[in-house]
Amino acid sequence: MSRVRALSVALALSSGMSVVGCTQPPESSQSAQSAQTSQPAADPVAQSSQASQPATSADRTDIYHVHFTKAAPGQAAELAKIVSVQDPKAPMPGHFLVLRHQEGDDWDFAVIEHLGTSTTLDIATFPPPGPATPLRAWHNDTFTAGPAWPEFATAMGLPGGSSGNTASSVYIVSVFLAAPGHRDQLEQALAPDPAAKVPVGSVRLQHLEGGTWNYLTLQRFNSWQDFATNQTAAASSSPAAWFDVRQHVAEHHDTLADRMATK
């Protein structure tokens, strides 16, 4: 990257989706692994635009940036202060969600930011490493396709949505890597359960560039009581859905989280 003088990287969604991605230099080899697809070749934009990408669903009209990060030992409180404040130059002010790990995967914070229907990364104006850099053990970044912001905000109980008071919401964050040749079947298996016993806000994001997963699902429950009710009902129901997902998935990780206040 040091020999590149100027590079503009753009992402846009259309019926014949073409995507180019780029990630920031990571703190550790774990992040470097997920960013390898971003290294430039002789003609990075042309080469990436020819890469094989699945067509997005018609209801995935917008781009979201997904950032997972783990704090360095003793730095979680300071990192929390930074990730909860949106960049003042963000293209969509106020359009972001910050979740804090409770149980599950190894990350401490997940930041999901709405970027609109297109976005551009320009290396000439890309910011230098920020104050979060020395506070992180690792991080990884993924661009995804998802629904329009009003739908996302309502499902996730964000301010401005129509979900009412959601301060005590509980979230399940899941990432899935499909088994070879099973991506379409996995997407169908991840559809929200219409027979859920409690209200569940659901969003599904499809990988565009970045991490090593294909889909990220977000489920929001109004309370821990609702979450427990849902889990109890799932445990006592037919295991068919449980087995169905596992026919099509090579790897997945689930994390319980709560939502942090943002600025």
C-alpha atoms as a PDB file:
ATOM      1  CA  MET A   1       0.000   0.000   0.000  1.00  0.00           C
ATOM      2  CA  SER A   2       2.923   2.356   0.598  1.00  0.00           C
ATOM      3  CA  ARG A   3       3.592   2.682  -3.137  1.00  0.00           C
ATOM      4  CA  VAL A   4      -0.013   3.599  -3.973  1.00  0.00           C
ATOM      5  CA  ARG A   5      -0.333   7.349  -4.570  1.00  0.00           C
ATOM      6  CA  ALA A   6      -4.066   7.586  -5.160  1.00  0.00           C
ATOM      7  CA  LEU A   7      -6.827   5.043  -5.018  1.00  0.00           C
ATOM      8  CA  SER A   8     -10.551   5.593  -4.879  1.00  0.00           C
ATOM      9  CA  VAL A   9     -12.633   2.595  -3.830  1.00  0.00           C
ATOM     10  CA  ALA A  10     -16.377   2.675  -4.328  1.00  0.00           C
ATOM     11  CA  LEU A  11     -19.259   0.442  -3.346  1.00  0.00           C
ATOM     12  CA  ALA A  12     -22.728   0.630  -4.795  1.00  0.00           C
ATOM     13  CA  LEU A  13     -25.741  -1.656  -4.887  1.00  0.00           C
ATOM     14  CA  SER A  14     -27.593  -2.412  -8.083  1.00  0.00           C
ATOM     15  CA  SER A  15     -29.386  -5.341  -9.681  1.00  0.00           C
ATOM     16  CA  GLY A  16     -26.097  -6.530 -11.186  1.00  0.00           C
ATOM     17  CA  MET A  17     -24.083  -5.874  -8.035  1.00  0.00           C
ATOM     18  CA  SER A  18     -20.448  -4.892  -8.388  1.00  0.00           C
ATOM     19  CA  VAL A  19     -18.476  -4.330  -5.225  1.00  0.00           C
ATOM     20  CA  VAL A  20     -15.008  -3.165  -4.351  1.00  0.00           C
ATOM     21  CA  GLY A  21     -13.811  -3.192  -0.753  1.00  0.00           C
ATOM     22  CA  CYS A  22     -10.994  -1.899   1.407  1.00  0.00           C
ATOM     23  CA  THR A  23     -10.205  -2.172   5.128  1.00  0.00           C
ATOM     24  CA  GLN A  24      -7.945  -0.259   7.480  1.00  0.00           C
ATOM     25  CA  PRO A  25      -4.583  -1.744   8.527  1.00  0.00           C
ATOM     26  CA  PRO A  26      -5.384  -4.060  11.471  1.00  0.00           C
ATOM     27  CA  GLU A  27      -3.671  -4.408  14.835  1.00  0.00           C
ATOM     28  CA  SER A  28      -3.184  -8.173  14.636  1.00  0.00           C
ATOM     29  CA  SER A  29      -2.917 -11.133  12.288  1.00  0.00           C
ATOM     30  CA  GLN A  30      -6.574 -11.983  12.945  1.00  0.00           C
ATOM     31  CA  SER A  31      -7.656  -8.715  11.353  1.00  0.00           C
ATOM     32  CA  ALA A  32      -5.073  -9.059   8.609  1.00  0.00           C
ATOM     33  CA  GLN A  33      -6.610 -12.362   7.572  1.00  0.00           C
ATOM     34  CA  SER A  34     -10.008 -10.812   6.972  1.00  0.00           C
ATOM     35  CA  ALA A  35      -8.499  -7.874   5.092  1.00  0.00           C
ATOM     36  CA  GLN A  36      -6.417  -9.841   2.595  1.00  0.00           C
ATOM     37  CA  THR A  37      -8.977  -9.398  -0.176  1.00  0.00           C
ATOM     38  CA  SER A  38      -8.378  -5.647  -0.025  1.00  0.00           C
ATOM     39  CA  GLN A  39      -4.772  -5.651  -1.267  1.00  0.00           C
ATOM     40  CA  PRO A  40      -4.496  -3.791  -4.594  1.00  0.00           C
ATOM     41  CA  ALA A  41      -3.439  -5.492  -7.813  1.00  0.00           C
ATOM     42  CA  ALA A  42      -2.425  -3.929 -11.109  1.00  0.00           C
ATOM     43  CA  ASP A  43      -5.948  -2.666 -11.666  1.00  0.00           C
ATOM     44  CA  PRO A  44      -7.781  -3.117  -8.322  1.00  0.00           C
ATOM     45  CA  VAL A  45     -11.080  -1.528  -9.249  1.00  0.00           C
ATOM     46  CA  ALA A  46     -11.446  -3.353 -12.537  1.00  0.00           C
ATOM     47  CA  GLN A  47     -10.331  -6.671 -11.074  1.00  0.00           C
ATOM     48  CA  SER A  48     -12.633  -6.534  -8.046  1.00  0.00           C
ATOM     49  CA  SER A  49     -15.632  -5.465 -10.098  1.00  0.00           C
ATOM     50  CA  GLN A  50     -15.282  -8.703 -12.057  1.00  0.00           C
ATOM     51  CA  ALA A  51     -15.215 -10.849  -8.932  1.00  0.00           C
ATOM     52  CA  SER A  52     -18.048 -13.302  -8.481  1.00  0.00           C
ATOM     53  CA  GLN A  53     -20.623 -11.902  -6.058  1.00  0.00           C
ATOM     54  CA  PRO A  54     -24.105 -13.181  -5.224  1.00  0.00           C
ATOM     55  CA  ALA A  55     -27.005 -10.995  -6.242  1.00  0.00           C
ATOM     56  CA  THR A  56     -28.522  -9.119  -3.339  1.00  0.00           C
ATOM     57  CA  SER A  57     -32.114  -9.602  -2.334  1.00  0.00           C
ATOM     58  CA  ALA A  58     -34.496  -6.914  -3.573  1.00  0.00           C
ATOM     59  CA  ASP A  59     -35.045  -5.679  -0.014  1.00  0.00           C
ATOM     60  CA  ARG A  60     -31.306  -5.084   0.550  1.00  0.00           C
ATOM     61  CA  THR A  61     -31.011  -1.627  -0.872  1.00  0.00           C
ATOM     62  CA  ASP A  62     -28.430  -0.039   1.427  1.00  0.00           C
ATOM     63  CA  ILE A  63     -24.824  -0.498   2.532  1.00  0.00           C
ATOM     64  CA  TYR A  64     -23.816  -1.055   6.158  1.00  0.00           C
ATOM     65  CA  HIS A  65     -20.334  -1.129   7.637  1.00  0.00           C
ATOM     66  CA  VAL A  66     -19.880  -3.787  10.346  1.00  0.00           C
ATOM     67  CA  HIS A  67     -16.993  -3.307  12.774  1.00  0.00           C
ATOM     68  CA  PHE A  68     -16.099  -5.929  15.405  1.00  0.00           C
ATOM     69  CA  THR A  69     -13.432  -4.989  17.937  1.00  0.00           C
ATOM     70  CA  LYS A  70     -11.861  -6.364  21.096  1.00  0.00           C
ATOM     71  CA  ALA A  71     -10.282  -4.091  23.681  1.00  0.00           C
ATOM     72  CA  ALA A  72      -6.720  -4.529  24.817  1.00  0.00           C
ATOM     73  CA  PRO A  73      -6.483  -5.692  28.442  1.00  0.00           C
ATOM     74  CA  GLY A  74      -7.642  -2.939  30.780  1.00  0.00           C
ATOM     75  CA  GLN A  75      -8.829  -0.676  27.945  1.00  0.00           C
ATOM     76  CA  ALA A  76     -12.491  -1.707  27.539  1.00  0.00           C
ATOM     77  CA  ALA A  77     -13.905   1.360  29.301  1.00  0.00           C
ATOM     78  CA  GLU A  78     -11.851   3.774  27.227  1.00  0.00           C
ATOM     79  CA  LEU A  79     -12.603   1.968  23.986  1.00  0.00           C
ATOM     80  CA  ALA A  80     -16.318   2.034  24.840  1.00  0.00           C
ATOM     81  CA  LYS A  81     -16.183   5.838  25.014  1.00  0.00           C
ATOM     82  CA  ILE A  82     -14.680   6.020  21.536  1.00  0.00           C
ATOM     83  CA  VAL A  83     -16.866   3.504  19.691  1.00  0.00           C
ATOM     84  CA  SER A  84     -20.042   5.088  21.075  1.00  0.00           C
ATOM     85  CA  VAL A  85     -19.295   8.421  19.363  1.00  0.00           C
ATOM     86  CA  GLN A  86     -19.965   8.602  15.635  1.00  0.00           C
ATOM     87  CA  ASP A  87     -17.439  10.245  13.333  1.00  0.00           C
ATOM     88  CA  PRO A  88     -18.631  13.838  12.795  1.00  0.00           C
ATOM     89  CA  LYS A  89     -17.939  13.346   9.068  1.00  0.00           C
ATOM     90  CA  ALA A  90     -20.169  10.266   8.827  1.00  0.00           C
ATOM     91  CA  PRO A  91     -22.368  10.294   5.699  1.00  0.00           C
ATOM     92  CA  MET A  92     -25.484   9.360   7.685  1.00  0.00           C
ATOM     93  CA  PRO A  93     -25.441  11.180  11.059  1.00  0.00           C
ATOM     94  CA  GLY A  94     -27.124   9.215  13.810  1.00  0.00           C
ATOM     95  CA  HIS A  95     -27.453   6.089  11.677  1.00  0.00           C
ATOM     96  CA  PHE A  96     -25.469   3.622  13.734  1.00  0.00           C
ATOM     97  CA  LEU A  97     -25.867   0.909  16.329  1.00  0.00           C
ATOM     98  CA  VAL A  98     -23.312  -0.046  18.997  1.00  0.00           C
ATOM     99  CA  LEU A  99     -23.662  -3.375  20.792  1.00  0.00           C
ATOM    100  CA  ARG A 100     -21.680  -4.601  23.808  1.00  0.00           C
ATOM    101  CA  HIS A 101     -20.768  -8.251  24.293  1.00  0.00           C
ATOM    102  CA  GLN A 102     -22.459 -10.156  27.104  1.00  0.00           C
ATOM    103  CA  GLU A 103     -21.898 -13.815  26.200  1.00  0.00           C
ATOM    104  CA  GLY A 104     -20.558 -15.612  23.150  1.00  0.00           C
ATOM    105  CA  ASP A 105     -17.866 -14.682  20.621  1.00  0.00           C
ATOM    106  CA  ASP A 106     -14.544 -12.996  21.382  1.00  0.00           C
ATOM    107  CA  TRP A 107     -15.387  -9.396  20.419  1.00  0.00           C
ATOM    108  CA  ASP A 108     -16.238  -6.690  22.959  1.00  0.00           C
ATOM    109  CA  PHE A 109     -18.107  -4.218  20.728  1.00  0.00           C
ATOM    110  CA  ALA A 110     -19.966  -4.401  17.429  1.00  0.00           C
ATOM    111  CA  VAL A 111     -20.559  -1.142  15.567  1.00  0.00           C
ATOM    112  CA  ILE A 112     -22.977  -1.257  12.637  1.00  0.00           C
ATOM    113  CA  GLU A 113     -23.186   1.945  10.626  1.00  0.00           C
ATOM    114  CA  HIS A 114     -25.511   2.849   7.777  1.00  0.00           C
ATOM    115  CA  LEU A 115     -23.711   4.347   4.760  1.00  0.00           C
ATOM    116  CA  GLY A 116     -26.618   4.879   2.356  1.00  0.00           C
ATOM    117  CA  THR A 117     -26.901   3.227  -1.052  1.00  0.00           C
ATOM    118  CA  SER A 118     -23.274   3.884  -2.026  1.00  0.00           C
ATOM    119  CA  THR A 119     -19.990   4.825  -0.416  1.00  0.00           C
ATOM    120  CA  THR A 120     -16.454   5.707  -1.477  1.00  0.00           C
ATOM    121  CA  LEU A 121     -13.130   5.271   0.294  1.00  0.00           C
ATOM    122  CA  ASP A 122     -10.452   7.636  -0.978  1.00  0.00           C
ATOM    123  CA  ILE A 123      -6.946   6.887   0.229  1.00  0.00           C
ATOM    124  CA  ALA A 124      -5.932  10.520  -0.373  1.00  0.00           C
ATOM    125  CA  THR A 125      -8.289  11.669   2.377  1.00  0.00           C
ATOM    126  CA  PHE A 126      -8.407   8.516   4.496  1.00  0.00           C
ATOM    127  CA  PRO A 127      -7.804   9.416   8.164  1.00  0.00           C
ATOM    128  CA  PRO A 128      -4.652   8.241   9.962  1.00  0.00           C
ATOM    129  CA  PRO A 129      -4.922   5.736  12.834  1.00  0.00           C
ATOM    130  CA  GLY A 130      -7.261   7.244  15.423  1.00  0.00           C
ATOM    131  CA  PRO A 131      -7.349   7.230  19.227  1.00  0.00           C
ATOM    132  CA  ALA A 132      -8.920   3.740  19.287  1.00  0.00           C
ATOM    133  CA  THR A 133      -5.855   2.099  17.742  1.00  0.00           C
ATOM    134  CA  PRO A 134      -3.733   1.680  20.916  1.00  0.00           C
ATOM    135  CA  LEU A 135      -6.829   0.577  22.851  1.00  0.00           C
ATOM    136  CA  ARG A 136      -7.639  -2.421  20.645  1.00  0.00           C
ATOM    137  CA  ALA A 137      -6.337  -5.970  20.703  1.00  0.00           C
ATOM    138  CA  TRP A 138      -7.828  -6.500  17.230  1.00  0.00           C
ATOM    139  CA  HIS A 139     -10.629  -5.423  14.939  1.00  0.00           C
ATOM    140  CA  ASN A 140     -12.147  -6.406  11.615  1.00  0.00           C
ATOM    141  CA  ASP A 141     -14.376  -4.603   9.154  1.00  0.00           C
ATOM    142  CA  THR A 142     -16.967  -5.780   6.652  1.00  0.00           C
ATOM    143  CA  PHE A 143     -19.189  -3.984   4.164  1.00  0.00           C
ATOM    144  CA  THR A 144     -22.644  -5.525   3.891  1.00  0.00           C
ATOM    145  CA  ALA A 145     -25.956  -5.097   2.090  1.00  0.00           C
ATOM    146  CA  GLY A 146     -29.086  -4.579   4.173  1.00  0.00           C
ATOM    147  CA  PRO A 147     -32.511  -2.941   4.282  1.00  0.00           C
ATOM    148  CA  ALA A 148     -33.298   0.768   4.115  1.00  0.00           C
ATOM    149  CA  TRP A 149     -32.550   2.620   7.360  1.00  0.00           C
ATOM    150  CA  PRO A 150     -36.163   3.067   8.602  1.00  0.00           C
ATOM    151  CA  GLU A 151     -36.677  -0.690   8.522  1.00  0.00           C
ATOM    152  CA  PHE A 152     -33.337  -1.335  10.249  1.00  0.00           C
ATOM    153  CA  ALA A 153     -33.969   1.324  12.924  1.00  0.00           C
ATOM    154  CA  THR A 154     -37.432   0.005  13.729  1.00  0.00           C
ATOM    155  CA  ALA A 155     -36.311  -3.623  13.947  1.00  0.00           C
ATOM    156  CA  MET A 156     -33.367  -2.716  16.168  1.00  0.00           C
ATOM    157  CA  GLY A 157     -35.362  -0.362  18.415  1.00  0.00           C
ATOM    158  CA  LEU A 158     -33.257   2.675  17.622  1.00  0.00           C
ATOM    159  CA  PRO A 159     -34.303   6.276  18.317  1.00  0.00           C
ATOM    160  CA  GLY A 160     -36.478   7.542  15.512  1.00  0.00           C
ATOM    161  CA  GLY A 161     -37.923   4.106  14.859  1.00  0.00           C
ATOM    162  CA  SER A 162     -41.432   3.022  15.790  1.00  0.00           C
ATOM    163  CA  SER A 163     -40.523   0.425  18.418  1.00  0.00           C
ATOM    164  CA  GLY A 164     -41.266   2.445  21.562  1.00  0.00           C
ATOM    165  CA  ASN A 165     -39.046   2.207  24.650  1.00  0.00           C
ATOM    166  CA  THR A 166     -36.285  -0.294  23.898  1.00  0.00           C
ATOM    167  CA  ALA A 167     -33.681   0.631  26.517  1.00  0.00           C
ATOM    168  CA  SER A 168     -33.728  -2.891  28.017  1.00  0.00           C
ATOM    169  CA  SER A 169     -33.534  -4.743  24.709  1.00  0.00           C
ATOM    170  CA  VAL A 170     -31.436  -7.886  24.334  1.00  0.00           C
ATOM    171  CA  TYR A 171     -29.704  -8.694  21.042  1.00  0.00           C
ATOM    172  CA  ILE A 172     -28.391 -11.851  19.411  1.00  0.00           C
ATOM    173  CA  VAL A 173     -25.617 -11.190  16.898  1.00  0.00           C
ATOM    174  CA  SER A 174     -24.869 -14.175  14.659  1.00  0.00           C
ATOM    175  CA  VAL A 175     -22.468 -14.620  11.754  1.00  0.00           C
ATOM    176  CA  PHE A 176     -22.728 -17.549   9.342  1.00  0.00           C
ATOM    177  CA  LEU A 177     -20.407 -19.027   6.738  1.00  0.00           C
ATOM    178  CA  ALA A 178     -22.304 -21.228   4.286  1.00  0.00           C
ATOM    179  CA  ALA A 179     -21.158 -24.723   3.371  1.00  0.00           C
ATOM    180  CA  PRO A 180     -19.825 -24.845  -0.207  1.00  0.00           C
ATOM    181  CA  GLY A 181     -22.721 -24.607  -2.639  1.00  0.00           C
ATOM    182  CA  HIS A 182     -25.299 -24.010   0.122  1.00  0.00           C
ATOM    183  CA  ARG A 183     -25.466 -20.225   0.283  1.00  0.00           C
ATOM    184  CA  ASP A 184     -29.020 -19.912  -1.066  1.00  0.00           C
ATOM    185  CA  GLN A 185     -30.277 -22.703   1.190  1.00  0.00           C
ATOM    186  CA  LEU A 186     -28.635 -21.096   4.212  1.00  0.00           C
ATOM    187  CA  GLU A 187     -30.258 -17.755   3.483  1.00  0.00           C
ATOM    188  CA  GLN A 188     -33.672 -19.424   3.347  1.00  0.00           C
ATOM    189  CA  ALA A 189     -32.980 -21.265   6.610  1.00  0.00           C
ATOM    190  CA  LEU A 190     -32.093 -17.978   8.339  1.00  0.00           C
ATOM    191  CA  ALA A 191     -35.494 -16.406   7.649  1.00  0.00           C
ATOM    192  CA  PRO A 192     -37.232 -15.096  10.815  1.00  0.00           C
ATOM    193  CA  ASP A 193     -39.527 -17.553  12.574  1.00  0.00           C
ATOM    194  CA  PRO A 194     -43.133 -16.475  11.910  1.00  0.00           C
ATOM    195  CA  ALA A 195     -44.287 -18.583  14.864  1.00  0.00           C
ATOM    196  CA  ALA A 196     -42.137 -16.814  17.487  1.00  0.00           C
ATOM    197  CA  LYS A 197     -43.883 -16.582  20.866  1.00  0.00           C
ATOM    198  CA  VAL A 198     -42.687 -13.024  21.539  1.00  0.00           C
ATOM    199  CA  PRO A 199     -42.021  -9.951  19.362  1.00  0.00           C
ATOM    200  CA  VAL A 200     -38.602 -10.221  17.687  1.00  0.00           C
ATOM    201  CA  GLY A 201     -36.989  -7.483  15.608  1.00  0.00           C
ATOM    202  CA  SER A 202     -34.908  -9.135  12.899  1.00  0.00           C
ATOM    203  CA  VAL A 203     -32.375  -7.865  10.348  1.00  0.00           C
ATOM    204  CA  ARG A 204     -30.207  -9.890   7.988  1.00  0.00           C
ATOM    205  CA  LEU A 205     -27.082  -8.402   6.397  1.00  0.00           C
ATOM    206  CA  GLN A 206     -25.299  -9.960   3.427  1.00  0.00           C
ATOM    207  CA  HIS A 207     -21.523  -9.856   3.097  1.00  0.00           C
ATOM    208  CA  LEU A 208     -20.099  -7.671   0.338  1.00  0.00           C
ATOM    209  CA  GLU A 209     -16.421  -7.270   1.250  1.00  0.00           C
ATOM    210  CA  GLY A 210     -14.351  -7.949   4.338  1.00  0.00           C
ATOM    211  CA  GLY A 211     -14.882 -10.728   6.885  1.00  0.00           C
ATOM    212  CA  THR A 212     -14.963 -14.465   6.326  1.00  0.00           C
ATOM    213  CA  TRP A 213     -18.725 -14.868   6.794  1.00  0.00           C
ATOM    214  CA  ASN A 214     -21.656 -14.684   4.355  1.00  0.00           C
ATOM    215  CA  TYR A 215     -24.518 -13.454   6.543  1.00  0.00           C
ATOM    216  CA  LEU A 216     -24.950 -11.545   9.778  1.00  0.00           C
ATOM    217  CA  THR A 217     -28.279 -11.752  11.558  1.00  0.00           C
ATOM    218  CA  LEU A 218     -29.476  -9.427  14.309  1.00  0.00           C
ATOM    219  CA  GLN A 219     -32.372 -10.350  16.574  1.00  0.00           C
ATOM    220  CA  ARG A 220     -33.769  -7.946  19.156  1.00  0.00           C
ATOM    221  CA  PHE A 221     -35.923  -8.943  22.127  1.00  0.00           C
ATOM    222  CA  ASN A 222     -37.723  -6.368  24.247  1.00  0.00           C
ATOM    223  CA  SER A 223     -36.353  -7.816  27.496  1.00  0.00           C
ATOM    224  CA  TRP A 224     -34.441 -10.695  29.034  1.00  0.00           C
ATOM    225  CA  GLN A 225     -37.831 -12.165  29.931  1.00  0.00           C
ATOM    226  CA  ASP A 226     -38.849 -12.211  26.267  1.00  0.00           C
ATOM    227  CA  PHE A 227     -35.522 -13.755  25.344  1.00  0.00           C
ATOM    228  CA  ALA A 228     -35.995 -16.506  27.942  1.00  0.00           C
ATOM    229  CA  THR A 229     -39.549 -17.156  26.747  1.00  0.00           C
ATOM    230  CA  ASN A 230     -38.336 -17.497  23.161  1.00  0.00           C
ATOM    231  CA  GLN A 231     -35.500 -19.843  24.119  1.00  0.00           C
ATOM    232  CA  THR A 232     -37.814 -22.000  26.213  1.00  0.00           C
ATOM    233  CA  ALA A 233     -40.287 -22.293  23.343  1.00  0.00           C
ATOM    234  CA  ALA A 234     -37.494 -23.150  20.905  1.00  0.00           C
ATOM    235  CA  ALA A 235     -36.151 -25.858  23.189  1.00  0.00           C
ATOM    236  CA  SER A 236     -39.548 -27.535  23.460  1.00  0.00           C
ATOM    237  CA  SER A 237     -40.442 -27.319  19.766  1.00  0.00           C
ATOM    238  CA  SER A 238     -39.548 -29.629  16.895  1.00  0.00           C
ATOM    239  CA  PRO A 239     -35.779 -29.693  16.240  1.00  0.00           C
ATOM    240  CA  ALA A 240     -36.340 -29.583  12.467  1.00  0.00           C
ATOM    241  CA  ALA A 241     -35.263 -25.933  12.125  1.00  0.00           C
ATOM    242  CA  TRP A 242     -32.162 -26.574  14.247  1.00  0.00           C
ATOM    243  CA  PHE A 243     -31.092 -29.433  11.984  1.00  0.00           C
ATOM    244  CA  ASP A 244     -32.031 -27.514   8.822  1.00  0.00           C
ATOM    245  CA  VAL A 245     -29.587 -24.670   9.497  1.00  0.00           C
ATOM    246  CA  ARG A 246     -26.777 -27.104  10.230  1.00  0.00           C
ATOM    247  CA  GLN A 247     -27.186 -28.810   6.877  1.00  0.00           C
ATOM    248  CA  HIS A 248     -26.097 -25.602   5.170  1.00  0.00           C
ATOM    249  CA  VAL A 249     -23.585 -23.917   7.486  1.00  0.00           C
ATOM    250  CA  ALA A 250     -19.840 -24.501   7.667  1.00  0.00           C
ATOM    251  CA  GLU A 251     -19.272 -22.187  10.635  1.00  0.00           C
ATOM    252  CA  HIS A 252     -21.260 -19.823  12.806  1.00  0.00           C
ATOM    253  CA  HIS A 253     -20.880 -17.734  15.961  1.00  0.00           C
ATOM    254  CA  ASP A 254     -23.627 -16.360  18.214  1.00  0.00           C
ATOM    255  CA  THR A 255     -23.268 -13.565  20.764  1.00  0.00           C
ATOM    256  CA  LEU A 256     -25.673 -12.098  23.297  1.00  0.00           C
ATOM    257  CA  ALA A 257     -25.335  -8.318  23.554  1.00  0.00           C
ATOM    258  CA  ASP A 258     -26.962  -5.182  24.880  1.00  0.00           C
ATOM    259  CA  ARG A 259     -27.100  -1.770  23.236  1.00  0.00           C
ATOM    260  CA  MET A 260     -24.868   1.105  24.266  1.00  0.00           C
ATOM    261  CA  ALA A 261     -25.991   4.710  24.294  1.00  0.00           C
ATOM    262  CA  THR A 262     -24.433   6.626  21.410  1.00  0.00           C
ATOM    263  CA  LYS A 263     -23.582  10.243  20.599  1.00  0.00           C
END
